[in-house]
Amino acid sequence: MDVLMKRKKRNPFDSPGIGFLVGFLVPVLIFFTVYWFDETGVSFENYVKNLWHLQALVKLGSLCVFANLLVFMGFIRLKYEQSARGMLGATILYALAVLISKAF
């Protein structure tokens, strides 16, 4: 009976899906914010192309993913362990993407 009561009291924001979504969107939002503050006269497509040619796209992407650490620690502090797991999953996918892009 105690187990059922604990499940009902669980926060709806404490789910791996929410954590994964947040973990995926935070770096994307940070990347767009950097673009918005950095280059006002360059189209987004040219901005990404320039970063790619300078070999800075992966580095900037890695820095954007670094912000996931702050959100992850927030989930842990709030005791949203399931959301933290989803956040970790999204971060691992970003890390795999960085490894693959560095290989090619």
PDB file of N, CA and C in Angstrom:
ATOM      1  N   MET A   1       0.814  -1.186   0.000  1.00  0.00           N
ATOM      2  CA  MET A   1       0.000   0.000   0.000  1.00  0.00           C
ATOM      3  C   MET A   1       0.869   1.267   0.000  1.00  0.00           C
ATOM      4  N   ASP A   2       1.977   1.241   0.709  1.00  0.00           N
ATOM      5  CA  ASP A   2       2.880   2.387   0.761  1.00  0.00           C
ATOM      6  C   ASP A   2       3.473   2.701  -0.616  1.00  0.00           C
ATOM      7  N   VAL A   3       3.791   1.665  -1.365  1.00  0.00           N
ATOM      8  CA  VAL A   3       4.378   1.855  -2.683  1.00  0.00           C
ATOM      9  C   VAL A   3       3.394   2.551  -3.616  1.00  0.00           C
ATOM     10  N   LEU A   4       2.134   2.185  -3.550  1.00  0.00           N
ATOM     11  CA  LEU A   4       1.132   2.826  -4.395  1.00  0.00           C
ATOM     12  C   LEU A   4       0.950   4.292  -4.043  1.00  0.00           C
ATOM     13  N   MET A   5       1.016   4.614  -2.777  1.00  0.00           N
ATOM     14  CA  MET A   5       0.861   6.010  -2.359  1.00  0.00           C
ATOM     15  C   MET A   5       2.041   6.852  -2.842  1.00  0.00           C
ATOM     16  N   LYS A   6       3.247   6.280  -2.813  1.00  0.00           N
ATOM     17  CA  LYS A   6       4.420   7.019  -3.281  1.00  0.00           C
ATOM     18  C   LYS A   6       4.337   7.271  -4.786  1.00  0.00           C
ATOM     19  N   ARG A   7       3.825   6.331  -5.528  1.00  0.00           N
ATOM     20  CA  ARG A   7       3.706   6.521  -6.973  1.00  0.00           C
ATOM     21  C   ARG A   7       2.711   7.618  -7.303  1.00  0.00           C
ATOM     22  N   LYS A   8       1.644   7.726  -6.561  1.00  0.00           N
ATOM     23  CA  LYS A   8       0.637   8.746  -6.823  1.00  0.00           C
ATOM     24  C   LYS A   8       1.150  10.141  -6.496  1.00  0.00           C
ATOM     25  N   LYS A   9       2.055  10.254  -5.550  1.00  0.00           N
ATOM     26  CA  LYS A   9       2.578  11.555  -5.131  1.00  0.00           C
ATOM     27  C   LYS A   9       3.719  12.036  -6.021  1.00  0.00           C
ATOM     28  N   ARG A  10       4.140  11.217  -6.956  1.00  0.00           N
ATOM     29  CA  ARG A  10       5.255  11.578  -7.812  1.00  0.00           C
ATOM     30  C   ARG A  10       4.921  12.806  -8.657  1.00  0.00           C
ATOM     31  N   ASN A  11       5.870  13.682  -8.803  1.00  0.00           N
ATOM     32  CA  ASN A  11       5.708  14.910  -9.562  1.00  0.00           C
ATOM     33  C   ASN A  11       5.600  14.592 -11.055  1.00  0.00           C
ATOM     34  N   PRO A  12       4.677  15.220 -11.780  1.00  0.00           N
ATOM     35  CA  PRO A  12       4.553  14.933 -13.215  1.00  0.00           C
ATOM     36  C   PRO A  12       5.769  15.393 -14.028  1.00  0.00           C
ATOM     37  N   PHE A  13       6.572  16.279 -13.489  1.00  0.00           N
ATOM     38  CA  PHE A  13       7.771  16.726 -14.190  1.00  0.00           C
ATOM     39  C   PHE A  13       8.955  15.791 -13.966  1.00  0.00           C
ATOM     40  N   ASP A  14       8.796  14.806 -13.105  1.00  0.00           N
ATOM     41  CA  ASP A  14       9.857  13.852 -12.821  1.00  0.00           C
ATOM     42  C   ASP A  14       9.669  12.623 -13.698  1.00  0.00           C
ATOM     43  N   SER A  15      10.041  12.776 -14.967  1.00  0.00           N
ATOM     44  CA  SER A  15       9.963  11.643 -15.886  1.00  0.00           C
ATOM     45  C   SER A  15      11.153  11.702 -16.837  1.00  0.00           C
ATOM     46  N   PRO A  16      11.607  10.550 -17.301  1.00  0.00           N
ATOM     47  CA  PRO A  16      12.749  10.540 -18.229  1.00  0.00           C
ATOM     48  C   PRO A  16      12.465  11.308 -19.521  1.00  0.00           C
ATOM     49  N   GLY A  17      11.224  11.291 -19.976  1.00  0.00           N
ATOM     50  CA  GLY A  17      10.883  12.008 -21.198  1.00  0.00           C
ATOM     51  C   GLY A  17      11.058  13.507 -21.053  1.00  0.00           C
ATOM     52  N   ILE A  18      10.611  14.046 -19.925  1.00  0.00           N
ATOM     53  CA  ILE A  18      10.784  15.478 -19.657  1.00  0.00           C
ATOM     54  C   ILE A  18      12.271  15.811 -19.561  1.00  0.00           C
ATOM     55  N   GLY A  19      13.016  14.986 -18.861  1.00  0.00           N
ATOM     56  CA  GLY A  19      14.455  15.221 -18.729  1.00  0.00           C
ATOM     57  C   GLY A  19      15.164  15.166 -20.062  1.00  0.00           C
ATOM     58  N   PHE A  20      14.780  14.200 -20.912  1.00  0.00           N
ATOM     59  CA  PHE A  20      15.401  14.085 -22.225  1.00  0.00           C
ATOM     60  C   PHE A  20      15.078  15.308 -23.078  1.00  0.00           C
ATOM     61  N   LEU A  21      13.829  15.729 -23.037  1.00  0.00           N
ATOM     62  CA  LEU A  21      13.420  16.901 -23.807  1.00  0.00           C
ATOM     63  C   LEU A  21      14.176  18.148 -23.358  1.00  0.00           C
ATOM     64  N   VAL A  22      14.265  18.354 -22.060  1.00  0.00           N
ATOM     65  CA  VAL A  22      14.999  19.505 -21.532  1.00  0.00           C
ATOM     66  C   VAL A  22      16.481  19.392 -21.884  1.00  0.00           C
ATOM     67  N   GLY A  23      17.040  18.186 -21.753  1.00  0.00           N
ATOM     68  CA  GLY A  23      18.445  17.963 -22.070  1.00  0.00           C
ATOM     69  C   GLY A  23      18.765  18.169 -23.532  1.00  0.00           C
ATOM     70  N   PHE A  24      17.782  17.955 -24.388  1.00  0.00           N
ATOM     71  CA  PHE A  24      17.981  18.180 -25.815  1.00  0.00           C
ATOM     72  C   PHE A  24      17.809  19.657 -26.163  1.00  0.00           C
ATOM     73  N   LEU A  25      16.840  20.331 -25.533  1.00  0.00           N
ATOM     74  CA  LEU A  25      16.510  21.708 -25.902  1.00  0.00           C
ATOM     75  C   LEU A  25      17.446  22.758 -25.304  1.00  0.00           C
ATOM     76  N   VAL A  26      17.978  22.528 -24.121  1.00  0.00           N
ATOM     77  CA  VAL A  26      18.839  23.537 -23.478  1.00  0.00           C
ATOM     78  C   VAL A  26      20.042  23.878 -24.351  1.00  0.00           C
ATOM     79  N   PRO A  27      20.813  22.904 -24.859  1.00  0.00           N
ATOM     80  CA  PRO A  27      21.943  23.273 -25.730  1.00  0.00           C
ATOM     81  C   PRO A  27      21.513  23.967 -27.022  1.00  0.00           C
ATOM     82  N   VAL A  28      20.388  23.554 -27.580  1.00  0.00           N
ATOM     83  CA  VAL A  28      19.896  24.184 -28.808  1.00  0.00           C
ATOM     84  C   VAL A  28      19.543  25.643 -28.542  1.00  0.00           C
ATOM     85  N   LEU A  29      18.860  25.899 -27.435  1.00  0.00           N
ATOM     86  CA  LEU A  29      18.499  27.277 -27.085  1.00  0.00           C
ATOM     87  C   LEU A  29      19.726  28.133 -26.824  1.00  0.00           C
ATOM     88  N   ILE A  30      20.729  27.555 -26.182  1.00  0.00           N
ATOM     89  CA  ILE A  30      21.960  28.298 -25.919  1.00  0.00           C
ATOM     90  C   ILE A  30      22.685  28.605 -27.231  1.00  0.00           C
ATOM     91  N   PHE A  31      22.697  27.638 -28.149  1.00  0.00           N
ATOM     92  CA  PHE A  31      23.336  27.858 -29.451  1.00  0.00           C
ATOM     93  C   PHE A  31      22.661  29.009 -30.200  1.00  0.00           C
ATOM     94  N   PHE A  32      21.312  29.002 -30.217  1.00  0.00           N
ATOM     95  CA  PHE A  32      20.593  30.086 -30.887  1.00  0.00           C
ATOM     96  C   PHE A  32      20.807  31.420 -30.178  1.00  0.00           C
ATOM     97  N   THR A  33      20.930  31.401 -28.864  1.00  0.00           N
ATOM     98  CA  THR A  33      21.202  32.630 -28.117  1.00  0.00           C
ATOM     99  C   THR A  33      22.573  33.186 -28.472  1.00  0.00           C
ATOM    100  N   VAL A  34      23.567  32.308 -28.581  1.00  0.00           N
ATOM    101  CA  VAL A  34      24.908  32.743 -28.963  1.00  0.00           C
ATOM    102  C   VAL A  34      24.876  33.343 -30.366  1.00  0.00           C
ATOM    103  N   TYR A  35      24.154  32.703 -31.263  1.00  0.00           N
ATOM    104  CA  TYR A  35      24.024  33.245 -32.629  1.00  0.00           C
ATOM    105  C   TYR A  35      23.350  34.612 -32.601  1.00  0.00           C
ATOM    106  N   TRP A  36      22.292  34.717 -31.823  1.00  0.00           N
ATOM    107  CA  TRP A  36      21.525  35.961 -31.784  1.00  0.00           C
ATOM    108  C   TRP A  36      22.360  37.118 -31.254  1.00  0.00           C
ATOM    109  N   PHE A  37      23.191  36.860 -30.225  1.00  0.00           N
ATOM    110  CA  PHE A  37      24.018  37.924 -29.660  1.00  0.00           C
ATOM    111  C   PHE A  37      25.315  38.134 -30.426  1.00  0.00           C
ATOM    112  N   ASP A  38      25.780  37.133 -31.139  1.00  0.00           N
ATOM    113  CA  ASP A  38      27.090  37.217 -31.784  1.00  0.00           C
ATOM    114  C   ASP A  38      27.024  37.827 -33.180  1.00  0.00           C
ATOM    115  N   GLU A  39      26.205  37.290 -34.036  1.00  0.00           N
ATOM    116  CA  GLU A  39      26.181  37.709 -35.435  1.00  0.00           C
ATOM    117  C   GLU A  39      24.791  38.226 -35.801  1.00  0.00           C
ATOM    118  N   THR A  40      24.665  39.521 -35.958  1.00  0.00           N
ATOM    119  CA  THR A  40      23.354  40.067 -36.295  1.00  0.00           C
ATOM    120  C   THR A  40      23.164  40.195 -37.800  1.00  0.00           C
ATOM    121  N   GLY A  41      24.241  40.354 -38.566  1.00  0.00           N
ATOM    122  CA  GLY A  41      24.102  40.575 -39.992  1.00  0.00           C
ATOM    123  C   GLY A  41      24.297  39.331 -40.844  1.00  0.00           C
ATOM    124  N   VAL A  42      24.533  38.196 -40.235  1.00  0.00           N
ATOM    125  CA  VAL A  42      24.814  36.969 -40.979  1.00  0.00           C
ATOM    126  C   VAL A  42      23.630  36.023 -40.832  1.00  0.00           C
ATOM    127  N   SER A  43      23.238  35.383 -41.941  1.00  0.00           N
ATOM    128  CA  SER A  43      22.143  34.420 -41.851  1.00  0.00           C
ATOM    129  C   SER A  43      22.587  33.227 -41.016  1.00  0.00           C
ATOM    130  N   PHE A  44      21.616  32.534 -40.463  1.00  0.00           N
ATOM    131  CA  PHE A  44      21.932  31.390 -39.614  1.00  0.00           C
ATOM    132  C   PHE A  44      22.678  30.320 -40.408  1.00  0.00           C
ATOM    133  N   GLU A  45      22.280  30.108 -41.650  1.00  0.00           N
ATOM    134  CA  GLU A  45      22.938  29.105 -42.495  1.00  0.00           C
ATOM    135  C   GLU A  45      24.415  29.454 -42.705  1.00  0.00           C
ATOM    136  N   ASN A  46      24.695  30.714 -43.002  1.00  0.00           N
ATOM    137  CA  ASN A  46      26.089  31.137 -43.182  1.00  0.00           C
ATOM    138  C   ASN A  46      26.862  31.090 -41.875  1.00  0.00           C
ATOM    139  N   TYR A  47      26.198  31.391 -40.776  1.00  0.00           N
ATOM    140  CA  TYR A  47      26.833  31.321 -39.466  1.00  0.00           C
ATOM    141  C   TYR A  47      27.318  29.903 -39.183  1.00  0.00           C
ATOM    142  N   VAL A  48      26.448  28.923 -39.429  1.00  0.00           N
ATOM    143  CA  VAL A  48      26.807  27.521 -39.189  1.00  0.00           C
ATOM    144  C   VAL A  48      27.904  27.082 -40.152  1.00  0.00           C
ATOM    145  N   LYS A  49      27.815  27.498 -41.422  1.00  0.00           N
ATOM    146  CA  LYS A  49      28.849  27.151 -42.398  1.00  0.00           C
ATOM    147  C   LYS A  49      30.205  27.724 -41.992  1.00  0.00           C
ATOM    148  N   ASN A  50      30.193  28.973 -41.537  1.00  0.00           N
ATOM    149  CA  ASN A  50      31.449  29.595 -41.105  1.00  0.00           C
ATOM    150  C   ASN A  50      32.035  28.874 -39.901  1.00  0.00           C
ATOM    151  N   LEU A  51      31.204  28.513 -38.962  1.00  0.00           N
ATOM    152  CA  LEU A  51      31.692  27.764 -37.803  1.00  0.00           C
ATOM    153  C   LEU A  51      32.262  26.417 -38.228  1.00  0.00           C
ATOM    154  N   TRP A  52      31.616  25.773 -39.203  1.00  0.00           N
ATOM    155  CA  TRP A  52      32.093  24.481 -39.678  1.00  0.00           C
ATOM    156  C   TRP A  52      33.460  24.620 -40.349  1.00  0.00           C
ATOM    157  N   HIS A  53      33.616  25.653 -41.182  1.00  0.00           N
ATOM    158  CA  HIS A  53      34.890  25.863 -41.879  1.00  0.00           C
ATOM    159  C   HIS A  53      36.006  26.246 -40.908  1.00  0.00           C
ATOM    160  N   LEU A  54      35.665  26.926 -39.849  1.00  0.00           N
ATOM    161  CA  LEU A  54      36.656  27.288 -38.828  1.00  0.00           C
ATOM    162  C   LEU A  54      36.910  26.157 -37.837  1.00  0.00           C
ATOM    163  N   GLN A  55      36.207  25.055 -38.015  1.00  0.00           N
ATOM    164  CA  GLN A  55      36.260  23.898 -37.113  1.00  0.00           C
ATOM    165  C   GLN A  55      35.890  24.298 -35.683  1.00  0.00           C
ATOM    166  N   ALA A  56      34.924  25.195 -35.580  1.00  0.00           N
ATOM    167  CA  ALA A  56      34.479  25.668 -34.269  1.00  0.00           C
ATOM    168  C   ALA A  56      33.060  25.214 -33.938  1.00  0.00           C
ATOM    169  N   LEU A  57      32.370  24.611 -34.896  1.00  0.00           N
ATOM    170  CA  LEU A  57      30.987  24.203 -34.660  1.00  0.00           C
ATOM    171  C   LEU A  57      30.895  23.147 -33.567  1.00  0.00           C
ATOM    172  N   VAL A  58      31.745  22.162 -33.618  1.00  0.00           N
ATOM    173  CA  VAL A  58      31.727  21.095 -32.612  1.00  0.00           C
ATOM    174  C   VAL A  58      32.139  21.653 -31.248  1.00  0.00           C
ATOM    175  N   LYS A  59      33.095  22.555 -31.242  1.00  0.00           N
ATOM    176  CA  LYS A  59      33.552  23.141 -29.975  1.00  0.00           C
ATOM    177  C   LYS A  59      32.445  23.979 -29.329  1.00  0.00           C
ATOM    178  N   LEU A  60      31.779  24.791 -30.130  1.00  0.00           N
ATOM    179  CA  LEU A  60      30.678  25.593 -29.600  1.00  0.00           C
ATOM    180  C   LEU A  60      29.533  24.696 -29.150  1.00  0.00           C
ATOM    181  N   GLY A  61      29.244  23.662 -29.915  1.00  0.00           N
ATOM    182  CA  GLY A  61      28.204  22.712 -29.521  1.00  0.00           C
ATOM    183  C   GLY A  61      28.526  22.031 -28.202  1.00  0.00           C
ATOM    184  N   SER A  62      29.787  21.683 -28.014  1.00  0.00           N
ATOM    185  CA  SER A  62      30.202  21.058 -26.752  1.00  0.00           C
ATOM    186  C   SER A  62      30.028  22.014 -25.577  1.00  0.00           C
ATOM    187  N   LEU A  63      30.336  23.281 -25.792  1.00  0.00           N
ATOM    188  CA  LEU A  63      30.139  24.268 -24.731  1.00  0.00           C
ATOM    189  C   LEU A  63      28.661  24.451 -24.404  1.00  0.00           C
ATOM    190  N   CYS A  64      27.823  24.378 -25.425  1.00  0.00           N
ATOM    191  CA  CYS A  64      26.379  24.498 -25.195  1.00  0.00           C
ATOM    192  C   CYS A  64      25.856  23.329 -24.378  1.00  0.00           C
ATOM    193  N   VAL A  65      26.382  22.139 -24.629  1.00  0.00           N
ATOM    194  CA  VAL A  65      25.958  20.946 -23.881  1.00  0.00           C
ATOM    195  C   VAL A  65      26.430  21.030 -22.431  1.00  0.00           C
ATOM    196  N   PHE A  66      27.498  21.754 -22.195  1.00  0.00           N
ATOM    197  CA  PHE A  66      28.015  21.904 -20.831  1.00  0.00           C
ATOM    198  C   PHE A  66      26.961  22.489 -19.888  1.00  0.00           C
ATOM    199  N   ALA A  67      26.051  23.283 -20.423  1.00  0.00           N
ATOM    200  CA  ALA A  67      24.988  23.869 -19.600  1.00  0.00           C
ATOM    201  C   ALA A  67      24.051  22.798 -19.045  1.00  0.00           C
ATOM    202  N   ASN A  68      24.020  21.629 -19.681  1.00  0.00           N
ATOM    203  CA  ASN A  68      23.188  20.544 -19.165  1.00  0.00           C
ATOM    204  C   ASN A  68      23.604  20.138 -17.752  1.00  0.00           C
ATOM    205  N   LEU A  69      24.866  20.362 -17.428  1.00  0.00           N
ATOM    206  CA  LEU A  69      25.334  20.020 -16.088  1.00  0.00           C
ATOM    207  C   LEU A  69      24.579  20.812 -15.024  1.00  0.00           C
ATOM    208  N   LEU A  70      24.344  22.086 -15.280  1.00  0.00           N
ATOM    209  CA  LEU A  70      23.615  22.911 -14.313  1.00  0.00           C
ATOM    210  C   LEU A  70      22.166  22.431 -14.150  1.00  0.00           C
ATOM    211  N   VAL A  71      21.539  22.107 -15.267  1.00  0.00           N
ATOM    212  CA  VAL A  71      20.158  21.633 -15.197  1.00  0.00           C
ATOM    213  C   VAL A  71      20.110  20.259 -14.534  1.00  0.00           C
ATOM    214  N   PHE A  72      21.074  19.409 -14.847  1.00  0.00           N
ATOM    215  CA  PHE A  72      21.163  18.089 -14.222  1.00  0.00           C
ATOM    216  C   PHE A  72      21.281  18.223 -12.703  1.00  0.00           C
ATOM    217  N   MET A  73      22.147  19.115 -12.264  1.00  0.00           N
ATOM    218  CA  MET A  73      22.308  19.314 -10.811  1.00  0.00           C
ATOM    219  C   MET A  73      21.027  19.879 -10.196  1.00  0.00           C
ATOM    220  N   GLY A  74      20.304  20.706 -10.937  1.00  0.00           N
ATOM    221  CA  GLY A  74      19.017  21.200 -10.457  1.00  0.00           C
ATOM    222  C   GLY A  74      18.019  20.076 -10.290  1.00  0.00           C
ATOM    223  N   PHE A  75      17.975  19.154 -11.250  1.00  0.00           N
ATOM    224  CA  PHE A  75      17.086  18.004 -11.131  1.00  0.00           C
ATOM    225  C   PHE A  75      17.453  17.149  -9.919  1.00  0.00           C
ATOM    226  N   ILE A  76      18.732  16.960  -9.702  1.00  0.00           N
ATOM    227  CA  ILE A  76      19.174  16.160  -8.552  1.00  0.00           C
ATOM    228  C   ILE A  76      18.790  16.860  -7.251  1.00  0.00           C
ATOM    229  N   ARG A  77      18.980  18.165  -7.196  1.00  0.00           N
ATOM    230  CA  ARG A  77      18.650  18.918  -5.981  1.00  0.00           C
ATOM    231  C   ARG A  77      17.149  18.876  -5.678  1.00  0.00           C
ATOM    232  N   LEU A  78      16.335  18.891  -6.737  1.00  0.00           N
ATOM    233  CA  LEU A  78      14.881  18.813  -6.577  1.00  0.00           C
ATOM    234  C   LEU A  78      14.385  17.383  -6.351  1.00  0.00           C
ATOM    235  N   LYS A  79      15.323  16.443  -6.390  1.00  0.00           N
ATOM    236  CA  LYS A  79      15.019  15.018  -6.247  1.00  0.00           C
ATOM    237  C   LYS A  79      14.156  14.497  -7.386  1.00  0.00           C
ATOM    238  N   TYR A  80      14.428  14.983  -8.592  1.00  0.00           N
ATOM    239  CA  TYR A  80      13.778  14.505  -9.807  1.00  0.00           C
ATOM    240  C   TYR A  80      14.732  13.510 -10.477  1.00  0.00           C
ATOM    241  N   GLU A  81      14.897  12.365  -9.885  1.00  0.00           N
ATOM    242  CA  GLU A  81      15.868  11.397 -10.376  1.00  0.00           C
ATOM    243  C   GLU A  81      15.534  10.893 -11.780  1.00  0.00           C
ATOM    244  N   GLN A  82      14.264  10.693 -12.075  1.00  0.00           N
ATOM    245  CA  GLN A  82      13.875  10.217 -13.404  1.00  0.00           C
ATOM    246  C   GLN A  82      14.190  11.266 -14.475  1.00  0.00           C
ATOM    247  N   SER A  83      13.923  12.516 -14.175  1.00  0.00           N
ATOM    248  CA  SER A  83      14.254  13.589 -15.122  1.00  0.00           C
ATOM    249  C   SER A  83      15.764  13.698 -15.306  1.00  0.00           C
ATOM    250  N   ALA A  84      16.503  13.503 -14.229  1.00  0.00           N
ATOM    251  CA  ALA A  84      17.961  13.536 -14.323  1.00  0.00           C
ATOM    252  C   ALA A  84      18.465  12.416 -15.225  1.00  0.00           C
ATOM    253  N   ARG A  85      17.821  11.253 -15.174  1.00  0.00           N
ATOM    254  CA  ARG A  85      18.204  10.154 -16.064  1.00  0.00           C
ATOM    255  C   ARG A  85      17.970  10.519 -17.525  1.00  0.00           C
ATOM    256  N   GLY A  86      16.834  11.134 -17.806  1.00  0.00           N
ATOM    257  CA  GLY A  86      16.557  11.563 -19.173  1.00  0.00           C
ATOM    258  C   GLY A  86      17.549  12.608 -19.644  1.00  0.00           C
ATOM    259  N   MET A  87      17.896  13.529 -18.764  1.00  0.00           N
ATOM    260  CA  MET A  87      18.889  14.557 -19.072  1.00  0.00           C
ATOM    261  C   MET A  87      20.234  13.909 -19.384  1.00  0.00           C
ATOM    262  N   LEU A  88      20.605  12.921 -18.611  1.00  0.00           N
ATOM    263  CA  LEU A  88      21.859  12.208 -18.845  1.00  0.00           C
ATOM    264  C   LEU A  88      21.832  11.499 -20.195  1.00  0.00           C
ATOM    265  N   GLY A  89      20.698  10.914 -20.545  1.00  0.00           N
ATOM    266  CA  GLY A  89      20.568  10.256 -21.842  1.00  0.00           C
ATOM    267  C   GLY A  89      20.759  11.220 -22.996  1.00  0.00           C
ATOM    268  N   ALA A  90      20.147  12.393 -22.914  1.00  0.00           N
ATOM    269  CA  ALA A  90      20.307  13.398 -23.973  1.00  0.00           C
ATOM    270  C   ALA A  90      21.757  13.866 -24.061  1.00  0.00           C
ATOM    271  N   THR A  91      22.396  14.034 -22.932  1.00  0.00           N
ATOM    272  CA  THR A  91      23.790  14.477 -22.914  1.00  0.00           C
ATOM    273  C   THR A  91      24.701  13.420 -23.525  1.00  0.00           C
ATOM    274  N   ILE A  92      24.419  12.152 -23.258  1.00  0.00           N
ATOM    275  CA  ILE A  92      25.209  11.074 -23.850  1.00  0.00           C
ATOM    276  C   ILE A  92      25.030  11.053 -25.364  1.00  0.00           C
ATOM    277  N   LEU A  93      23.802  11.294 -25.839  1.00  0.00           N
ATOM    278  CA  LEU A  93      23.591  11.356 -27.294  1.00  0.00           C
ATOM    279  C   LEU A  93      24.375  12.509 -27.928  1.00  0.00           C
ATOM    280  N   TYR A  94      24.397  13.658 -27.251  1.00  0.00           N
ATOM    281  CA  TYR A  94      25.200  14.771 -27.757  1.00  0.00           C
ATOM    282  C   TYR A  94      26.682  14.397 -27.784  1.00  0.00           C
ATOM    283  N   ALA A  95      27.150  13.710 -26.747  1.00  0.00           N
ATOM    284  CA  ALA A  95      28.553  13.296 -26.695  1.00  0.00           C
ATOM    285  C   ALA A  95      28.879  12.335 -27.842  1.00  0.00           C
ATOM    286  N   LEU A  96      27.961  11.424 -28.138  1.00  0.00           N
ATOM    287  CA  LEU A  96      28.165  10.520 -29.269  1.00  0.00           C
ATOM    288  C   LEU A  96      28.220  11.284 -30.590  1.00  0.00           C
ATOM    289  N   ALA A  97      27.362  12.277 -30.729  1.00  0.00           N
ATOM    290  CA  ALA A  97      27.376  13.097 -31.948  1.00  0.00           C
ATOM    291  C   ALA A  97      28.708  13.835 -32.092  1.00  0.00           C
ATOM    292  N   VAL A  98      29.249  14.327 -30.997  1.00  0.00           N
ATOM    293  CA  VAL A  98      30.554  15.003 -31.035  1.00  0.00           C
ATOM    294  C   VAL A  98      31.650  14.025 -31.418  1.00  0.00           C
ATOM    295  N   LEU A  99      31.615  12.819 -30.842  1.00  0.00           N
ATOM    296  CA  LEU A  99      32.623  11.817 -31.181  1.00  0.00           C
ATOM    297  C   LEU A  99      32.552  11.428 -32.652  1.00  0.00           C
ATOM    298  N   ILE A 100      31.359  11.257 -33.164  1.00  0.00           N
ATOM    299  CA  ILE A 100      31.199  10.892 -34.569  1.00  0.00           C
ATOM    300  C   ILE A 100      31.668  12.032 -35.475  1.00  0.00           C
ATOM    301  N   SER A 101      31.339  13.278 -35.109  1.00  0.00           N
ATOM    302  CA  SER A 101      31.755  14.403 -35.953  1.00  0.00           C
ATOM    303  C   SER A 101      33.271  14.590 -35.923  1.00  0.00           C
ATOM    304  N   LYS A 102      33.918  14.273 -34.825  1.00  0.00           N
ATOM    305  CA  LYS A 102      35.371  14.390 -34.755  1.00  0.00           C
ATOM    306  C   LYS A 102      36.045  13.275 -35.554  1.00  0.00           C
ATOM    307  N   ALA A 103      35.367  12.129 -35.684  1.00  0.00           N
ATOM    308  CA  ALA A 103      35.931  11.012 -36.435  1.00  0.00           C
ATOM    309  C   ALA A 103      35.924  11.283 -37.938  1.00  0.00           C
ATOM    310  N   PHE A 104      34.978  12.103 -38.393  1.00  0.00           N
ATOM    311  CA  PHE A 104      34.876  12.379 -39.831  1.00  0.00           C
ATOM    312  C   PHE A 104      35.253  13.780 -40.053  1.00  0.00           C
TER     313      PHE A 104
END
